[in-house]
C-alpha atoms as a PDB file:
ATOM      1  CA  MET A   1     -11.276 -22.718 -26.439  1.00  0.00           C
ATOM      2  CA  VAL A   2      -9.017 -19.490 -24.693  1.00  0.00           C
ATOM      3  CA  GLU A   3      -9.301 -17.374 -21.864  1.00  0.00           C
ATOM      4  CA  ALA A   4      -9.354 -13.564 -21.896  1.00  0.00           C
ATOM      5  CA  ALA A   5      -9.312 -10.835 -19.763  1.00  0.00           C
ATOM      6  CA  LEU A   6      -9.902  -6.993 -19.561  1.00  0.00           C
ATOM      7  CA  PRO A   7      -7.229  -4.596 -19.351  1.00  0.00           C
ATOM      8  CA  ARG A   8      -7.064  -3.101 -15.940  1.00  0.00           C
ATOM      9  CA  SER A   9      -6.744   0.380 -15.074  1.00  0.00           C
ATOM     10  CA  LEU A  10      -4.137  -0.580 -12.120  1.00  0.00           C
ATOM     11  CA  PRO A  11      -2.806  -3.546 -10.548  1.00  0.00           C
ATOM     12  CA  GLY A  12      -3.770  -4.616  -7.103  1.00  0.00           C
ATOM     13  CA  ALA A  13      -6.212  -3.976  -4.912  1.00  0.00           C
ATOM     14  CA  GLN A  14      -8.704  -1.258  -6.016  1.00  0.00           C
ATOM     15  CA  ASP A  15     -11.583   0.918  -4.852  1.00  0.00           C
ATOM     16  CA  SER A  16     -14.603   1.836  -6.414  1.00  0.00           C
ATOM     17  CA  ARG A  17     -13.117   4.399  -8.303  1.00  0.00           C
ATOM     18  CA  GLY A  18     -10.484   2.262 -10.317  1.00  0.00           C
ATOM     19  CA  ALA A  19      -7.622   3.099  -7.833  1.00  0.00           C
ATOM     20  CA  GLU A  20      -5.275   1.396  -5.719  1.00  0.00           C
ATOM     21  CA  ARG A  21      -5.394   1.760  -1.906  1.00  0.00           C
ATOM     22  CA  TYR A  22      -2.220   1.553   0.523  1.00  0.00           C
ATOM     23  CA  PRO A  23      -2.490   1.705   4.159  1.00  0.00           C
ATOM     24  CA  VAL A  24      -1.306   4.948   5.762  1.00  0.00           C
ATOM     25  CA  ARG A  25      -0.649   6.063   9.459  1.00  0.00           C
ATOM     26  CA  VAL A  26      -0.413   9.650  10.616  1.00  0.00           C
ATOM     27  CA  ILE A  27       2.640  11.102  11.819  1.00  0.00           C
ATOM     28  CA  TYR A  28       4.477  14.284  12.749  1.00  0.00           C
ATOM     29  CA  ASP A  29       6.464  15.841   9.789  1.00  0.00           C
ATOM     30  CA  ARG A  30       9.432  16.174  12.133  1.00  0.00           C
ATOM     31  CA  GLU A  31      10.632  13.757  14.285  1.00  0.00           C
ATOM     32  CA  ALA A  32      13.954  12.897  15.781  1.00  0.00           C
ATOM     33  CA  MET A  33      16.003  10.256  17.402  1.00  0.00           C
ATOM     34  CA  ILE A  34      17.564  11.148  20.539  1.00  0.00           C
ATOM     35  CA  SER A  35      20.783   9.829  21.546  1.00  0.00           C
ATOM     36  CA  LEU A  36      23.876  10.833  23.549  1.00  0.00           C
ATOM     37  CA  ARG A  37      27.241  11.535  21.949  1.00  0.00           C
ATOM     38  CA  VAL A  38      29.090   9.655  24.466  1.00  0.00           C
ATOM     39  CA  GLY A  39      28.848   5.991  25.643  1.00  0.00           C
ATOM     40  CA  GLY A  40      28.031   4.656  29.203  1.00  0.00           C
ATOM     41  CA  THR A  41      25.139   3.157  31.471  1.00  0.00           C
ATOM     42  CA  LEU A  42      21.816   4.809  31.947  1.00  0.00           C
ATOM     43  CA  THR A  43      21.257   6.420  35.044  1.00  0.00           C
ATOM     44  CA  ALA A  44      18.148   8.465  34.078  1.00  0.00           C
ATOM     45  CA  LEU A  45      15.341   8.276  31.613  1.00  0.00           C
ATOM     46  CA  PRO A  46      12.703  10.128  32.987  1.00  0.00           C
ATOM     47  CA  VAL A  47      10.193  10.355  29.795  1.00  0.00           C
ATOM     48  CA  HIS A  48       7.937   7.933  28.486  1.00  0.00           C
ATOM     49  CA  PRO A  49       5.993   7.447  25.428  1.00  0.00           C
ATOM     50  CA  GLY A  50       2.740  10.303  25.425  1.00  0.00           C
ATOM     51  CA  ASP A  51       5.025  12.701  27.582  1.00  0.00           C
ATOM     52  CA  ARG A  52       4.803  16.006  26.564  1.00  0.00           C
ATOM     53  CA  VAL A  53       8.401  18.027  27.110  1.00  0.00           C
ATOM     54  CA  ALA A  54       9.598  21.358  26.633  1.00  0.00           C
ATOM     55  CA  ALA A  55      12.552  22.135  24.790  1.00  0.00           C
ATOM     56  CA  GLY A  56      15.604  21.814  26.986  1.00  0.00           C
ATOM     57  CA  ALA A  57      13.919  19.200  28.844  1.00  0.00           C
ATOM     58  CA  VAL A  58      16.301  16.452  30.490  1.00  0.00           C
ATOM     59  CA  LEU A  59      15.664  13.172  28.186  1.00  0.00           C
ATOM     60  CA  ALA A  60      18.291  11.026  29.461  1.00  0.00           C
ATOM     61  CA  GLU A  61      21.588  10.943  31.352  1.00  0.00           C
ATOM     62  CA  ILE A  62      24.391   8.483  31.470  1.00  0.00           C
ATOM     63  CA  ASP A  63      26.730   7.975  34.327  1.00  0.00           C
ATOM     64  CA  PRO A  64      28.956  10.693  34.165  1.00  0.00           C
ATOM     65  CA  THR A  65      32.324   9.496  36.469  1.00  0.00           C
ATOM     66  CA  LEU A  66      34.699   8.825  33.558  1.00  0.00           C
ATOM     67  CA  GLN A  67      33.931  12.318  32.097  1.00  0.00           C
ATOM     68  CA  VAL A  68      33.993  14.036  35.485  1.00  0.00           C
ATOM     69  CA  SER A  69      37.358  12.244  36.313  1.00  0.00           C
ATOM     70  CA  SER A  70      38.620  13.921  32.731  1.00  0.00           C
ATOM     71  CA  GLU A  71      37.517  17.123  33.342  1.00  0.00           C
ATOM     72  CA  GLN A  72      39.053  17.256  36.789  1.00  0.00           C
ATOM     73  CA  ARG A  73      42.402  15.916  35.806  1.00  0.00           C
ATOM     74  CA  ALA A  74      42.416  18.587  32.815  1.00  0.00           C
ATOM     75  CA  ALA A  75      41.550  21.687  34.947  1.00  0.00           C
ATOM     76  CA  ALA A  76      44.167  20.546  37.462  1.00  0.00           C
ATOM     77  CA  ASP A  77      46.733  20.596  34.320  1.00  0.00           C
ATOM     78  CA  VAL A  78      45.584  24.094  33.283  1.00  0.00           C
ATOM     79  CA  ALA A  79      45.613  25.366  37.103  1.00  0.00           C
ATOM     80  CA  GLN A  80      49.200  24.391  37.585  1.00  0.00           C
ATOM     81  CA  LEU A  81      50.429  25.557  33.901  1.00  0.00           C
ATOM     82  CA  GLU A  82      48.694  28.823  34.846  1.00  0.00           C
ATOM     83  CA  ARG A  83      50.543  29.301  37.911  1.00  0.00           C
ATOM     84  CA  ALA A  84      53.762  28.720  35.921  1.00  0.00           C
ATOM     85  CA  VAL A  85      53.030  30.875  33.444  1.00  0.00           C
ATOM     86  CA  ARG A  86      52.549  33.826  35.867  1.00  0.00           C
ATOM     87  CA  ARG A  87      55.867  32.773  37.804  1.00  0.00           C
ATOM     88  CA  ASN A  88      57.954  33.315  35.095  1.00  0.00           C
ATOM     89  CA  ALA A  89      56.097  36.488  33.923  1.00  0.00           C
ATOM     90  CA  THR A  90      58.175  37.838  37.229  1.00  0.00           C
ATOM     91  CA  LEU A  91      61.147  35.965  36.444  1.00  0.00           C
ATOM     92  CA  LEU A  92      61.742  36.994  32.827  1.00  0.00           C
ATOM     93  CA  PRO A  93      62.730  40.529  33.169  1.00  0.00           C
ATOM     94  CA  ALA A  94      65.337  39.700  35.222  1.00  0.00           C
ATOM     95  CA  GLY A  95      66.641  37.272  32.859  1.00  0.00           C
ATOM     96  CA  ALA A  96      66.134  33.907  35.144  1.00  0.00           C
ATOM     97  CA  ILE A  97      64.524  32.431  32.227  1.00  0.00           C
ATOM     98  CA  SER A  98      64.511  32.905  28.367  1.00  0.00           C
ATOM     99  CA  GLU A  99      61.842  34.182  26.142  1.00  0.00           C
ATOM    100  CA  ALA A 100      61.656  30.475  24.690  1.00  0.00           C
ATOM    101  CA  GLN A 101      61.003  29.094  27.626  1.00  0.00           C
ATOM    102  CA  GLN A 102      58.073  31.132  28.450  1.00  0.00           C
ATOM    103  CA  GLN A 103      56.891  30.588  24.685  1.00  0.00           C
ATOM    104  CA  ASP A 104      56.782  27.116  25.389  1.00  0.00           C
ATOM    105  CA  LEU A 105      55.068  27.215  28.522  1.00  0.00           C
ATOM    106  CA  GLN A 106      52.048  29.021  27.272  1.00  0.00           C
ATOM    107  CA  SER A 107      51.813  26.992  24.375  1.00  0.00           C
ATOM    108  CA  ALA A 108      51.555  23.925  26.750  1.00  0.00           C
ATOM    109  CA  LEU A 109      48.869  25.985  28.871  1.00  0.00           C
ATOM    110  CA  ALA A 110      46.737  26.868  25.486  1.00  0.00           C
ATOM    111  CA  ALA A 111      47.169  22.825  24.771  1.00  0.00           C
ATOM    112  CA  ALA A 112      45.998  22.079  28.287  1.00  0.00           C
ATOM    113  CA  GLN A 113      43.109  24.675  28.123  1.00  0.00           C
ATOM    114  CA  ALA A 114      41.979  22.672  24.538  1.00  0.00           C
ATOM    115  CA  VAL A 115      41.892  19.722  26.444  1.00  0.00           C
ATOM    116  CA  LEU A 116      39.840  20.966  29.388  1.00  0.00           C
ATOM    117  CA  ARG A 117      37.069  22.528  26.732  1.00  0.00           C
ATOM    118  CA  ALA A 118      37.037  19.021  25.285  1.00  0.00           C
ATOM    119  CA  ALA A 119      36.487  17.323  28.743  1.00  0.00           C
ATOM    120  CA  ARG A 120      33.682  19.963  29.517  1.00  0.00           C
ATOM    121  CA  TYR A 121      32.148  19.072  26.435  1.00  0.00           C
ATOM    122  CA  ASP A 122      32.280  15.411  27.263  1.00  0.00           C
ATOM    123  CA  ARG A 123      31.041  16.036  30.533  1.00  0.00           C
ATOM    124  CA  ALA A 124      28.043  18.059  29.145  1.00  0.00           C
ATOM    125  CA  SER A 125      27.344  15.252  26.566  1.00  0.00           C
ATOM    126  CA  THR A 126      26.264  12.673  29.329  1.00  0.00           C
ATOM    127  CA  VAL A 127      22.884  14.619  29.445  1.00  0.00           C
ATOM    128  CA  ALA A 128      20.628  14.377  26.417  1.00  0.00           C
ATOM    129  CA  ARG A 129      17.877  17.462  26.424  1.00  0.00           C
ATOM    130  CA  ALA A 130      15.074  18.048  23.893  1.00  0.00           C
ATOM    131  CA  PRO A 131      15.839  19.774  20.982  1.00  0.00           C
ATOM    132  CA  PHE A 132      12.592  21.348  20.628  1.00  0.00           C
ATOM    133  CA  ARG A 133       9.119  20.957  22.474  1.00  0.00           C
ATOM    134  CA  GLY A 134       7.651  17.731  21.462  1.00  0.00           C
ATOM    135  CA  LEU A 135       5.784  14.444  22.294  1.00  0.00           C
ATOM    136  CA  ILE A 136       7.952  11.198  23.600  1.00  0.00           C
ATOM    137  CA  LEU A 137       6.948   8.635  20.812  1.00  0.00           C
ATOM    138  CA  ALA A 138       9.337   5.768  21.904  1.00  0.00           C
ATOM    139  CA  ARG A 139      11.697   4.361  24.333  1.00  0.00           C
ATOM    140  CA  MET A 140      14.561   1.877  23.093  1.00  0.00           C
ATOM    141  CA  HIS A 141      16.367   1.370  26.325  1.00  0.00           C
ATOM    142  CA  GLU A 142      15.618   1.627  30.244  1.00  0.00           C
ATOM    143  CA  ALA A 143      17.750   2.759  33.239  1.00  0.00           C
ATOM    144  CA  GLY A 144      20.824   0.608  33.927  1.00  0.00           C
ATOM    145  CA  GLU A 145      21.463  -0.208  30.279  1.00  0.00           C
ATOM    146  CA  THR A 146      24.825   0.533  28.377  1.00  0.00           C
ATOM    147  CA  VAL A 147      24.239   2.571  25.541  1.00  0.00           C
ATOM    148  CA  ALA A 148      27.091   2.984  22.857  1.00  0.00           C
ATOM    149  CA  PRO A 149      27.831   6.676  21.416  1.00  0.00           C
ATOM    150  CA  GLY A 150      25.240   7.882  19.117  1.00  0.00           C
ATOM    151  CA  GLU A 151      22.911   4.680  19.674  1.00  0.00           C
ATOM    152  CA  PRO A 152      18.916   6.172  20.038  1.00  0.00           C
ATOM    153  CA  VAL A 153      17.326   5.771  23.306  1.00  0.00           C
ATOM    154  CA  LEU A 154      14.282   8.064  22.627  1.00  0.00           C
ATOM    155  CA  ARG A 155      12.333   9.083  19.616  1.00  0.00           C
ATOM    156  CA  MET A 156      10.094  12.130  19.493  1.00  0.00           C
ATOM    157  CA  ALA A 157       8.011  14.359  17.514  1.00  0.00           C
ATOM    158  CA  ASP A 158       7.639  17.982  17.265  1.00  0.00           C
ATOM    159  CA  VAL A 159       4.412  19.111  18.350  1.00  0.00           C
ATOM    160  CA  ASN A 160       4.889  22.150  16.135  1.00  0.00           C
ATOM    161  CA  SER A 161       5.056  20.409  12.971  1.00  0.00           C
ATOM    162  CA  PRO A 162       2.212  19.642  10.900  1.00  0.00           C
ATOM    163  CA  LEU A 163       0.780  15.923  10.676  1.00  0.00           C
ATOM    164  CA  ILE A 164       1.322  13.996   7.587  1.00  0.00           C
ATOM    165  CA  ALA A 165      -0.052  10.390   6.390  1.00  0.00           C
ATOM    166  CA  ARG A 166       2.659   8.406   5.550  1.00  0.00           C
ATOM    167  CA  ALA A 167       2.201   5.397   3.095  1.00  0.00           C
ATOM    168  CA  ALA A 168       4.540   2.766   1.816  1.00  0.00           C
ATOM    169  CA  VAL A 169       4.140   2.385  -2.043  1.00  0.00           C
ATOM    170  CA  THR A 170       5.599   0.283  -4.482  1.00  0.00           C
ATOM    171  CA  PRO A 171       8.566   1.768  -6.505  1.00  0.00           C
ATOM    172  CA  ALA A 172       6.269   1.525  -9.763  1.00  0.00           C
ATOM    173  CA  ARG A 173       3.304   3.286  -8.438  1.00  0.00           C
ATOM    174  CA  ALA A 174       5.475   5.861  -6.901  1.00  0.00           C
ATOM    175  CA  ALA A 175       7.073   6.758 -10.204  1.00  0.00           C
ATOM    176  CA  GLY A 176       3.444   8.072 -11.396  1.00  0.00           C
ATOM    177  CA  ILE A 177       2.844  10.199  -8.264  1.00  0.00           C
ATOM    178  CA  ALA A 178       3.797  13.889  -8.453  1.00  0.00           C
ATOM    179  CA  PRO A 179       4.383  15.885  -5.653  1.00  0.00           C
ATOM    180  CA  GLY A 180       1.322  18.571  -5.532  1.00  0.00           C
ATOM    181  CA  ARG A 181      -1.202  15.756  -6.539  1.00  0.00           C
ATOM    182  CA  PRO A 182      -4.417  15.810  -4.695  1.00  0.00           C
ATOM    183  CA  VAL A 183      -5.419  12.306  -3.278  1.00  0.00           C
ATOM    184  CA  LEU A 184      -8.300  11.039  -0.917  1.00  0.00           C
ATOM    185  CA  LEU A 185      -7.916   9.345   2.087  1.00  0.00           C
ATOM    186  CA  THR A 186     -10.145   7.215   4.222  1.00  0.00           C
ATOM    187  CA  LEU A 187      -8.876   7.672   8.386  1.00  0.00           C
ATOM    188  CA  ALA A 188     -10.256   5.448  11.162  1.00  0.00           C
ATOM    189  CA  GLY A 189     -13.335   7.188  12.514  1.00  0.00           C
ATOM    190  CA  MET A 190     -13.201  10.483  10.291  1.00  0.00           C
ATOM    191  CA  GLY A 191     -14.245   9.031   6.855  1.00  0.00           C
ATOM    192  CA  GLU A 192     -13.365  10.544   3.674  1.00  0.00           C
ATOM    193  CA  ILE A 193     -10.673  13.418   3.605  1.00  0.00           C
ATOM    194  CA  SER A 194      -8.614  15.172   1.089  1.00  0.00           C
ATOM    195  CA  GLY A 195      -4.702  15.517   1.311  1.00  0.00           C
ATOM    196  CA  LYS A 196      -1.726  16.557  -0.945  1.00  0.00           C
ATOM    197  CA  VAL A 197       1.219  14.452  -1.803  1.00  0.00           C
ATOM    198  CA  LEU A 198       4.039  16.480  -0.553  1.00  0.00           C
ATOM    199  CA  ARG A 199       7.072  14.245  -1.197  1.00  0.00           C
ATOM    200  CA  LYS A 200       8.539  10.817  -2.265  1.00  0.00           C
ATOM    201  CA  GLY A 201      11.315   8.827  -0.509  1.00  0.00           C
ATOM    202  CA  SER A 202      14.639   8.566  -2.085  1.00  0.00           C
ATOM    203  CA  ALA A 203      15.292   5.206  -1.516  1.00  0.00           C
ATOM    204  CA  VAL A 204      13.372   1.750  -1.444  1.00  0.00           C
ATOM    205  CA  ASP A 205      13.475  -0.146   2.096  1.00  0.00           C
ATOM    206  CA  PRO A 206      15.404  -2.939   1.452  1.00  0.00           C
ATOM    207  CA  VAL A 207      12.849  -5.608   3.659  1.00  0.00           C
ATOM    208  CA  THR A 208       9.488  -4.280   2.052  1.00  0.00           C
ATOM    209  CA  GLY A 209      10.752  -3.158  -1.411  1.00  0.00           C
ATOM    210  CA  THR A 210       8.462   0.035  -0.761  1.00  0.00           C
ATOM    211  CA  LEU A 211       8.878   3.781  -1.128  1.00  0.00           C
ATOM    212  CA  ASP A 212       7.669   6.143   1.370  1.00  0.00           C
ATOM    213  CA  VAL A 213       4.948   8.626   0.139  1.00  0.00           C
ATOM    214  CA  ASP A 214       4.258  11.225   2.566  1.00  0.00           C
ATOM    215  CA  ILE A 215       0.923  13.134   2.425  1.00  0.00           C
ATOM    216  CA  GLY A 216      -0.230  16.783   3.680  1.00  0.00           C
ATOM    217  CA  LEU A 217      -3.257  16.645   5.290  1.00  0.00           C
ATOM    218  CA  PRO A 218      -5.827  19.666   6.398  1.00  0.00           C
ATOM    219  CA  ALA A 219      -5.846  20.996   9.677  1.00  0.00           C
ATOM    220  CA  SER A 220      -8.714  19.146  11.969  1.00  0.00           C
ATOM    221  CA  PRO A 221      -9.451  18.533  15.389  1.00  0.00           C
ATOM    222  CA  GLY A 222      -9.903  15.099  14.539  1.00  0.00           C
ATOM    223  CA  VAL A 223      -6.758  14.157  13.259  1.00  0.00           C
ATOM    224  CA  ALA A 224      -4.119  13.079  15.236  1.00  0.00           C
ATOM    225  CA  SER A 225      -0.759  11.220  15.277  1.00  0.00           C
ATOM    226  CA  GLY A 226      -1.141   7.756  15.302  1.00  0.00           C
ATOM    227  CA  LEU A 227      -4.313   7.511  13.360  1.00  0.00           C
ATOM    228  CA  THR A 228      -4.391   4.729  10.296  1.00  0.00           C
ATOM    229  CA  GLY A 229      -6.315   4.359   7.392  1.00  0.00           C
ATOM    230  CA  SER A 230      -5.741   3.905   3.691  1.00  0.00           C
ATOM    231  CA  VAL A 231      -5.250   6.318   0.712  1.00  0.00           C
ATOM    232  CA  SER A 232      -6.398   6.246  -2.725  1.00  0.00           C
ATOM    233  CA  LEU A 233      -3.681   6.591  -5.579  1.00  0.00           C
ATOM    234  CA  THR A 234      -3.595   6.434  -9.233  1.00  0.00           C
ATOM    235  CA  SER A 235      -0.669   7.210 -11.633  1.00  0.00           C
ATOM    236  CA  SER A 236      -1.318  10.550 -13.214  1.00  0.00           C
ATOM    237  CA  SER A 237       1.294   9.345 -16.067  1.00  0.00           C
ATOM    238  CA  ALA A 238      -0.571   6.246 -16.461  1.00  0.00           C
ATOM    239  CA  GLN A 239      -4.172   7.708 -16.702  1.00  0.00           C
ATOM    240  CA  ALA A 240      -2.870  10.975 -18.868  1.00  0.00           C
ATOM    241  CA  SER A 241      -1.256   8.588 -21.481  1.00  0.00           C
ATOM    242  CA  GLY A 242      -3.786   5.861 -21.695  1.00  0.00           C
ATOM    243  CA  ARG A 243      -1.838   3.329 -19.936  1.00  0.00           C
ATOM    244  CA  LEU A 244      -3.766   0.159 -19.091  1.00  0.00           C
ATOM    245  CA  TYR A 245      -2.551  -3.448 -17.644  1.00  0.00           C
ATOM    246  CA  ILE A 246      -2.882  -6.889 -19.170  1.00  0.00           C
ATOM    247  CA  PRO A 247      -1.821 -10.309 -17.664  1.00  0.00           C
ATOM    248  CA  ALA A 248       1.819 -10.875 -18.918  1.00  0.00           C
ATOM    249  CA  GLU A 249       1.029 -14.059 -20.723  1.00  0.00           C
ATOM    250  CA  ALA A 250      -0.821 -12.224 -23.005  1.00  0.00           C
ATOM    251  CA  LEU A 251       2.230 -10.883 -24.788  1.00  0.00           C
ATOM    252  CA  LEU A 252       3.016 -12.691 -28.086  1.00  0.00           C
ATOM    253  CA  ASP A 253       6.309 -10.726 -29.206  1.00  0.00           C
ATOM    254  CA  ALA A 254       8.340  -7.975 -28.173  1.00  0.00           C
ATOM    255  CA  ASN A 255      10.902  -5.899 -29.891  1.00  0.00           C
ATOM    256  CA  GLY A 256      12.286  -3.124 -27.645  1.00  0.00           C
ATOM    257  CA  ARG A 257       8.930  -1.065 -26.441  1.00  0.00           C
ATOM    258  CA  ASN A 258       7.072  -2.845 -29.315  1.00  0.00           C
ATOM    259  CA  GLY A 259       4.890  -5.779 -29.178  1.00  0.00           C
ATOM    260  CA  HIS A 260       1.492  -7.568 -29.759  1.00  0.00           C
ATOM    261  CA  VAL A 261      -1.162  -9.152 -28.195  1.00  0.00           C
ATOM    262  CA  LEU A 262      -4.525 -10.894 -29.686  1.00  0.00           C
ATOM    263  CA  VAL A 263      -7.546  -9.096 -28.927  1.00  0.00           C
ATOM    264  CA  VAL A 264     -11.037 -10.826 -29.402  1.00  0.00           C
ATOM    265  CA  ASP A 265     -13.330  -9.131 -31.902  1.00  0.00           C
ATOM    266  CA  PRO A 266     -16.504  -9.581 -30.222  1.00  0.00           C
ATOM    267  CA  ALA A 267     -18.617  -8.777 -33.548  1.00  0.00           C
ATOM    268  CA  ARG A 268     -17.157 -11.420 -35.269  1.00  0.00           C
ATOM    269  CA  GLY A 269     -16.050 -13.996 -32.670  1.00  0.00           C
ATOM    270  CA  ILE A 270     -12.185 -13.941 -34.397  1.00  0.00           C
ATOM    271  CA  ALA A 271      -8.711 -12.652 -32.665  1.00  0.00           C
ATOM    272  CA  ARG A 272      -7.086  -9.946 -33.968  1.00  0.00           C
ATOM    273  CA  LEU A 273      -3.519  -8.821 -33.740  1.00  0.00           C
ATOM    274  CA  HIS A 274      -3.159  -5.560 -32.115  1.00  0.00           C
ATOM    275  CA  ALA A 275      -0.073  -3.354 -31.996  1.00  0.00           C
ATOM    276  CA  ILE A 276       0.959  -2.021 -28.425  1.00  0.00           C
ATOM    277  CA  THR A 277       3.635  -0.191 -26.895  1.00  0.00           C
ATOM    278  CA  LEU A 278       5.214  -1.640 -23.732  1.00  0.00           C
ATOM    279  CA  HIS A 279       6.296   0.172 -20.610  1.00  0.00           C
ATOM    280  CA  GLY A 280       7.026  -2.382 -18.062  1.00  0.00           C
ATOM    281  CA  PHE A 281       6.120  -5.076 -15.601  1.00  0.00           C
ATOM    282  CA  ILE A 282       4.639  -4.569 -12.136  1.00  0.00           C
ATOM    283  CA  GLY A 283       4.669  -8.016 -10.585  1.00  0.00           C
ATOM    284  CA  ASP A 284       2.667 -10.195 -13.095  1.00  0.00           C
ATOM    285  CA  MET A 285       1.160  -7.716 -14.603  1.00  0.00           C
ATOM    286  CA  LEU A 286       2.613  -5.560 -17.866  1.00  0.00           C
ATOM    287  CA  GLU A 287       2.351  -1.893 -18.396  1.00  0.00           C
ATOM    288  CA  VAL A 288       1.037  -1.050 -22.146  1.00  0.00           C
ATOM    289  CA  GLU A 289      -0.335   1.642 -24.080  1.00  0.00           C
ATOM    290  CA  GLY A 290      -2.325   1.460 -27.630  1.00  0.00           C
ATOM    291  CA  LEU A 291      -5.504  -0.965 -26.013  1.00  0.00           C
ATOM    292  CA  PRO A 292      -8.679   0.719 -25.605  1.00  0.00           C
ATOM    293  CA  ALA A 293     -10.148  -0.313 -22.278  1.00  0.00           C
ATOM    294  CA  SER A 294     -13.155  -2.515 -23.328  1.00  0.00           C
ATOM    295  CA  ALA A 295     -10.623  -4.720 -25.210  1.00  0.00           C
ATOM    296  CA  ARG A 296     -10.462  -8.365 -24.458  1.00  0.00           C
ATOM    297  CA  VAL A 297      -6.975  -9.611 -24.321  1.00  0.00           C
ATOM    298  CA  ILE A 298      -6.277 -13.221 -25.002  1.00  0.00           C
ATOM    299  CA  THR A 299      -4.209 -14.716 -22.038  1.00  0.00           C
ATOM    300  CA  ALA A 300      -4.251 -18.879 -21.989  1.00  0.00           C
ATOM    301  CA  GLY A 301      -3.935 -20.365 -25.664  1.00  0.00           C
ATOM    302  CA  ALA A 302      -2.767 -16.968 -27.375  1.00  0.00           C
ATOM    303  CA  GLY A 303       0.148 -18.861 -28.512  1.00  0.00           C
ATOM    304  CA  PHE A 304      -2.034 -21.320 -30.552  1.00  0.00           C
ATOM    305  CA  VAL A 305      -3.890 -18.655 -32.064  1.00  0.00           C
ATOM    306  CA  ARG A 306      -3.818 -16.946 -35.488  1.00  0.00           C
ATOM    307  CA  ASP A 307      -4.602 -13.443 -36.541  1.00  0.00           C
ATOM    308  CA  GLY A 308      -7.967 -13.902 -37.677  1.00  0.00           C
ATOM    309  CA  GLN A 309      -8.944 -17.338 -36.700  1.00  0.00           C
ATOM    310  CA  LYS A 310     -12.431 -17.907 -35.097  1.00  0.00           C
ATOM    311  CA  VAL A 311     -12.086 -18.228 -31.190  1.00  0.00           C
ATOM    312  CA  ARG A 312     -14.377 -19.124 -28.271  1.00  0.00           C
ATOM    313  CA  VAL A 313     -13.626 -17.599 -24.926  1.00  0.00           C
ATOM    314  CA  ASP A 314     -13.712 -19.638 -22.057  1.00  0.00           C
ATOM    315  CA  ALA A 315     -16.371 -17.752 -19.543  1.00  0.00           C
ATOM    316  CA  ARG A 316     -15.282 -19.442 -16.444  1.00  0.00           C
END
């Protein structure tokens, strides 16, 4: 008694077309994390998720006391050196000071002016402004909290960028999905719509072990940021090459990319050794080439069966 299985087009949850389905979320193609270049205590955070803001609008402010003090000290140093340079300019022709002394004073003034410019830049950096016209998506902090330099305080989207659907896909599946491929999505309340693969992420998420696949959506008044749904994905490379998936325990032997399985001859009720090409594992499934889709591959009990032996398949 042996158990057998039909090869599968794709591993995992499949739809009626034999394709895997992955959850998607509609987002704007261009999003930005808003942070402040200098750290400090947040004194203002006037926007909330869902707010639409104009380019240049104030999004966050921190207490500028330290930066204002630094700017004032730097400005006082510059003013003092400027007065000294002007005074020395009248003394130099009379020989009261040397040319070298005046040059040293001018160098000190240039350095003080650079410090003042940096202090003014730090002062301006206590305010975060919208880099584009957009939509506030999330707040990471509240007024009164202390933030470090560069720590995100808001996330916003550029409303002028297109909407896309983002799916988290296994690396094995993503490898067979080429940019430009048409795909079919199902979005909540909208039914099925067509889309096109724009790009794939370059790094695997260390927590989920998946890659992001971004899908372009058609312009439609019903599509909005935040919608959820699913996308039907098939591996074009696997379909084009006739690759299928079988349970890993069906493999009898392997030498590099070559291997063998036992398939059931339905007309004679015997096991036949069948050569296959191996393309790697996806979970507990083995991607192979060289099997007809209608073949019944012996899984449980394959190690005890010889080529040409009569078999009876457990139909449970």
